[in-house]
């Protein structure tokens, strides 16, 4: 027969920690503001070795933009007709 006097190993709540009521909270209240100011870019390991921090990366990119004289633009979307012409 198992010994039934053993208590479960559940952690008990401390009496000093009050319950927090999130019933009046709004989910994602600041998500849009956070997304506007955040842009995450993952560098390849070999490139990351060259730059000690994000300020160095930003300065290098600003220099590249100044030297190029213009900002980079994405190529226009190709249409099906344009693809047919280039394949011939």
N, C-alpha and C. Protein backbone atom coordinates (compact mmCIF):
# COMPACT_ATOMS: atom_id res chain seq x y z
N UNK A 1 0.83 -1.16 0.00
CA UNK A 1 0.00 0.00 0.00
C UNK A 1 0.89 1.24 0.00
N UNK A 2 0.49 2.28 -0.79
CA UNK A 2 1.28 3.50 -0.87
C UNK A 2 1.03 4.36 0.36
N UNK A 3 2.03 5.10 0.71
CA UNK A 3 1.92 6.00 1.84
C UNK A 3 1.14 7.23 1.40
N UNK A 4 -0.02 7.46 1.93
CA UNK A 4 -0.88 8.56 1.51
C UNK A 4 -0.57 9.84 2.26
N UNK A 5 0.38 9.84 3.15
CA UNK A 5 0.68 11.05 3.92
C UNK A 5 1.61 12.00 3.15
N UNK A 6 2.16 11.57 2.00
CA UNK A 6 3.02 12.44 1.21
C UNK A 6 2.17 13.51 0.53
N UNK A 7 2.64 14.73 0.59
CA UNK A 7 1.93 15.83 -0.06
C UNK A 7 2.47 16.02 -1.47
N UNK A 8 1.66 16.57 -2.33
CA UNK A 8 2.10 16.80 -3.70
C UNK A 8 3.17 17.87 -3.71
N UNK A 9 3.98 17.88 -4.76
CA UNK A 9 5.10 18.80 -4.86
C UNK A 9 4.70 20.11 -5.54
N UNK A 10 3.42 20.48 -5.49
CA UNK A 10 2.97 21.72 -6.09
C UNK A 10 3.53 22.91 -5.33
N UNK A 11 4.01 23.92 -6.06
CA UNK A 11 4.47 25.11 -5.37
C UNK A 11 3.26 25.87 -4.82
N UNK A 12 3.40 26.44 -3.67
CA UNK A 12 2.30 27.19 -3.07
C UNK A 12 2.49 28.66 -3.34
N UNK A 13 1.39 29.38 -3.48
CA UNK A 13 1.44 30.82 -3.69
C UNK A 13 1.79 31.51 -2.40
N UNK A 14 2.65 32.47 -2.51
CA UNK A 14 3.02 33.24 -1.34
C UNK A 14 1.86 34.16 -0.98
N UNK A 15 1.62 34.37 0.27
CA UNK A 15 0.54 35.25 0.72
C UNK A 15 0.85 36.70 0.38
N UNK A 16 2.11 37.03 0.12
CA UNK A 16 2.51 38.40 -0.18
C UNK A 16 2.23 38.80 -1.63
N UNK A 17 2.04 37.84 -2.52
CA UNK A 17 1.82 38.14 -3.93
C UNK A 17 0.32 38.31 -4.16
N UNK A 18 -0.11 39.53 -4.51
CA UNK A 18 -1.54 39.74 -4.73
C UNK A 18 -1.95 39.22 -6.10
N UNK A 19 -3.22 38.88 -6.22
CA UNK A 19 -3.75 38.49 -7.52
C UNK A 19 -3.86 39.74 -8.39
N UNK A 20 -3.53 39.60 -9.67
CA UNK A 20 -3.60 40.73 -10.60
C UNK A 20 -4.80 40.51 -11.50
N UNK A 21 -5.61 41.53 -11.62
CA UNK A 21 -6.84 41.43 -12.41
C UNK A 21 -6.59 42.03 -13.79
N UNK A 22 -6.57 41.19 -14.81
CA UNK A 22 -6.37 41.65 -16.18
C UNK A 22 -7.69 41.75 -16.95
N UNK A 23 -8.81 41.69 -16.28
CA UNK A 23 -10.10 41.68 -16.96
C UNK A 23 -10.38 42.98 -17.71
N UNK A 24 -9.79 44.08 -17.28
CA UNK A 24 -10.00 45.36 -17.97
C UNK A 24 -8.93 45.66 -19.00
N UNK A 25 -8.00 44.75 -19.21
CA UNK A 25 -6.91 44.97 -20.15
C UNK A 25 -7.34 44.83 -21.59
N UNK A 26 -6.57 45.42 -22.46
CA UNK A 26 -6.83 45.35 -23.90
C UNK A 26 -5.67 44.63 -24.55
N UNK A 27 -5.95 43.54 -25.25
CA UNK A 27 -4.91 42.76 -25.90
C UNK A 27 -4.35 43.54 -27.10
N UNK A 28 -3.04 43.65 -27.16
CA UNK A 28 -2.37 44.30 -28.30
C UNK A 28 -2.52 45.81 -28.34
N UNK A 29 -2.75 46.44 -27.19
CA UNK A 29 -2.97 47.88 -27.15
C UNK A 29 -1.81 48.65 -27.75
N UNK A 30 -0.59 48.24 -27.50
CA UNK A 30 0.59 48.94 -27.98
C UNK A 30 1.30 48.20 -29.10
N UNK A 31 0.71 47.16 -29.64
CA UNK A 31 1.37 46.34 -30.66
C UNK A 31 1.69 47.14 -31.93
N UNK A 32 0.76 47.96 -32.39
CA UNK A 32 0.98 48.73 -33.62
C UNK A 32 2.10 49.74 -33.44
N UNK A 33 2.12 50.42 -32.30
CA UNK A 33 3.17 51.40 -32.04
C UNK A 33 4.53 50.72 -31.96
N UNK A 34 4.57 49.57 -31.35
CA UNK A 34 5.82 48.81 -31.25
C UNK A 34 6.29 48.36 -32.63
N UNK A 35 5.38 47.88 -33.45
CA UNK A 35 5.74 47.38 -34.78
C UNK A 35 6.24 48.50 -35.68
N UNK A 36 5.72 49.72 -35.52
CA UNK A 36 6.15 50.84 -36.34
C UNK A 36 7.61 51.20 -36.10
N UNK A 37 8.06 51.04 -34.88
CA UNK A 37 9.42 51.47 -34.56
C UNK A 37 10.41 50.30 -34.50
N UNK A 38 10.00 49.14 -34.96
CA UNK A 38 10.85 47.98 -34.88
C UNK A 38 11.09 47.40 -36.27
N UNK A 39 12.35 47.12 -36.55
CA UNK A 39 12.70 46.48 -37.80
C UNK A 39 13.87 45.56 -37.50
N UNK A 40 13.63 44.28 -37.49
CA UNK A 40 14.66 43.32 -37.14
C UNK A 40 15.30 42.78 -38.40
N UNK A 41 16.62 42.82 -38.44
CA UNK A 41 17.38 42.31 -39.56
C UNK A 41 18.40 41.32 -39.00
N UNK A 42 18.48 40.15 -39.58
CA UNK A 42 19.42 39.14 -39.12
C UNK A 42 20.62 39.15 -40.06
N UNK A 43 21.79 39.37 -39.49
CA UNK A 43 23.02 39.40 -40.28
C UNK A 43 23.62 38.01 -40.37
N UNK A 44 24.28 37.74 -41.46
CA UNK A 44 25.02 36.49 -41.60
C UNK A 44 26.18 36.54 -40.60
N UNK A 45 26.60 35.39 -40.10
CA UNK A 45 27.67 35.37 -39.09
C UNK A 45 28.96 36.07 -39.54
N UNK A 46 29.33 35.91 -40.80
CA UNK A 46 30.56 36.55 -41.27
C UNK A 46 30.43 38.07 -41.30
N UNK A 47 29.25 38.58 -41.60
CA UNK A 47 29.03 40.03 -41.61
C UNK A 47 28.97 40.54 -40.17
N UNK A 48 28.32 39.80 -39.29
CA UNK A 48 28.18 40.21 -37.89
C UNK A 48 29.55 40.32 -37.19
N UNK A 49 30.53 39.56 -37.64
CA UNK A 49 31.87 39.64 -37.05
C UNK A 49 32.53 40.99 -37.30
N UNK A 50 32.16 41.64 -38.40
CA UNK A 50 32.78 42.90 -38.78
C UNK A 50 32.24 44.07 -37.96
N UNK A 51 30.96 44.01 -37.58
CA UNK A 51 30.32 45.11 -36.90
C UNK A 51 30.14 44.79 -35.41
N UNK A 52 30.68 45.65 -34.53
CA UNK A 52 30.59 45.37 -33.10
C UNK A 52 29.20 45.61 -32.50
N UNK A 53 28.39 46.50 -33.13
CA UNK A 53 27.07 46.81 -32.58
C UNK A 53 26.16 47.38 -33.66
N UNK A 54 24.91 47.65 -33.31
CA UNK A 54 23.94 48.13 -34.29
C UNK A 54 24.28 49.53 -34.79
N UNK A 55 24.90 50.37 -33.96
CA UNK A 55 25.28 51.71 -34.41
C UNK A 55 26.28 51.64 -35.56
N UNK A 56 27.22 50.70 -35.50
CA UNK A 56 28.21 50.54 -36.57
C UNK A 56 27.54 50.08 -37.87
N UNK A 57 26.56 49.20 -37.76
CA UNK A 57 25.84 48.75 -38.95
C UNK A 57 25.07 49.91 -39.56
N UNK A 58 24.37 50.68 -38.72
CA UNK A 58 23.60 51.81 -39.22
C UNK A 58 24.50 52.85 -39.89
N UNK A 59 25.63 53.14 -39.30
CA UNK A 59 26.56 54.11 -39.90
C UNK A 59 27.07 53.62 -41.25
N UNK A 60 27.40 52.34 -41.36
CA UNK A 60 27.87 51.79 -42.63
C UNK A 60 26.77 51.88 -43.69
N UNK A 61 25.55 51.59 -43.32
CA UNK A 61 24.45 51.67 -44.28
C UNK A 61 24.17 53.11 -44.69
N UNK A 62 24.26 54.05 -43.76
CA UNK A 62 24.07 55.47 -44.11
C UNK A 62 25.16 55.94 -45.07
N UNK A 63 26.38 55.50 -44.85
CA UNK A 63 27.47 55.85 -45.75
C UNK A 63 27.23 55.28 -47.13
N UNK A 64 26.77 54.05 -47.19
CA UNK A 64 26.47 53.43 -48.48
C UNK A 64 25.38 54.19 -49.23
N UNK A 65 24.35 54.62 -48.52
CA UNK A 65 23.26 55.39 -49.14
C UNK A 65 23.79 56.72 -49.65
N UNK A 66 24.61 57.41 -48.85
CA UNK A 66 25.17 58.70 -49.29
C UNK A 66 26.04 58.51 -50.54
N UNK A 67 26.85 57.46 -50.57
CA UNK A 67 27.73 57.22 -51.71
C UNK A 67 26.96 56.84 -52.97
N UNK A 68 25.86 56.14 -52.79
CA UNK A 68 25.10 55.71 -53.96
C UNK A 68 24.32 56.86 -54.58
N UNK A 69 24.05 57.90 -53.80
CA UNK A 69 23.35 59.06 -54.34
C UNK A 69 21.85 58.88 -54.44
N UNK A 70 21.37 57.74 -54.14
CA UNK A 70 19.93 57.50 -54.18
C UNK A 70 19.61 56.31 -53.28
N UNK A 71 18.34 56.14 -53.02
CA UNK A 71 17.93 55.00 -52.22
C UNK A 71 17.67 53.82 -53.13
N UNK A 72 17.80 52.65 -52.60
CA UNK A 72 17.56 51.44 -53.38
C UNK A 72 16.07 51.30 -53.64
N UNK A 73 15.72 50.88 -54.81
CA UNK A 73 14.32 50.65 -55.16
C UNK A 73 14.13 49.21 -55.59
N UNK A 74 12.98 48.69 -55.26
CA UNK A 74 12.66 47.34 -55.68
C UNK A 74 12.29 47.34 -57.15
N UNK A 75 12.67 46.31 -57.89
CA UNK A 75 12.29 46.26 -59.30
C UNK A 75 10.78 46.10 -59.42
N UNK A 76 10.24 46.67 -60.50
CA UNK A 76 8.80 46.58 -60.73
C UNK A 76 8.40 45.12 -60.96
N UNK A 77 7.21 44.79 -60.56
CA UNK A 77 6.72 43.42 -60.75
C UNK A 77 6.60 43.13 -62.24
N UNK A 78 7.09 41.98 -62.64
CA UNK A 78 7.02 41.61 -64.05
C UNK A 78 5.68 40.97 -64.36
N UNK A 79 5.14 41.30 -65.49
CA UNK A 79 3.86 40.73 -65.89
C UNK A 79 4.10 39.44 -66.66
N UNK A 80 3.06 38.70 -66.86
CA UNK A 80 3.16 37.45 -67.62
C UNK A 80 3.58 37.75 -69.05
N UNK A 81 3.06 38.84 -69.63
CA UNK A 81 3.40 39.22 -70.99
C UNK A 81 4.90 39.54 -71.10
N UNK A 82 5.43 40.25 -70.12
CA UNK A 82 6.84 40.60 -70.15
C UNK A 82 7.71 39.33 -70.03
N UNK A 83 7.28 38.38 -69.25
CA UNK A 83 8.03 37.13 -69.14
C UNK A 83 8.03 36.37 -70.45
N UNK A 84 6.91 36.38 -71.14
CA UNK A 84 6.85 35.67 -72.42
C UNK A 84 7.81 36.32 -73.42
N UNK A 85 7.88 37.63 -73.41
CA UNK A 85 8.76 38.31 -74.35
C UNK A 85 10.22 38.03 -74.06
N UNK A 86 10.57 37.91 -72.81
CA UNK A 86 11.97 37.68 -72.48
C UNK A 86 12.38 36.24 -72.68
N UNK A 87 11.45 35.31 -72.69
CA UNK A 87 11.77 33.90 -72.87
C UNK A 87 11.99 33.53 -74.32
N UNK A 88 11.52 34.32 -75.24
CA UNK A 88 11.65 33.99 -76.67
C UNK A 88 13.02 34.22 -77.19
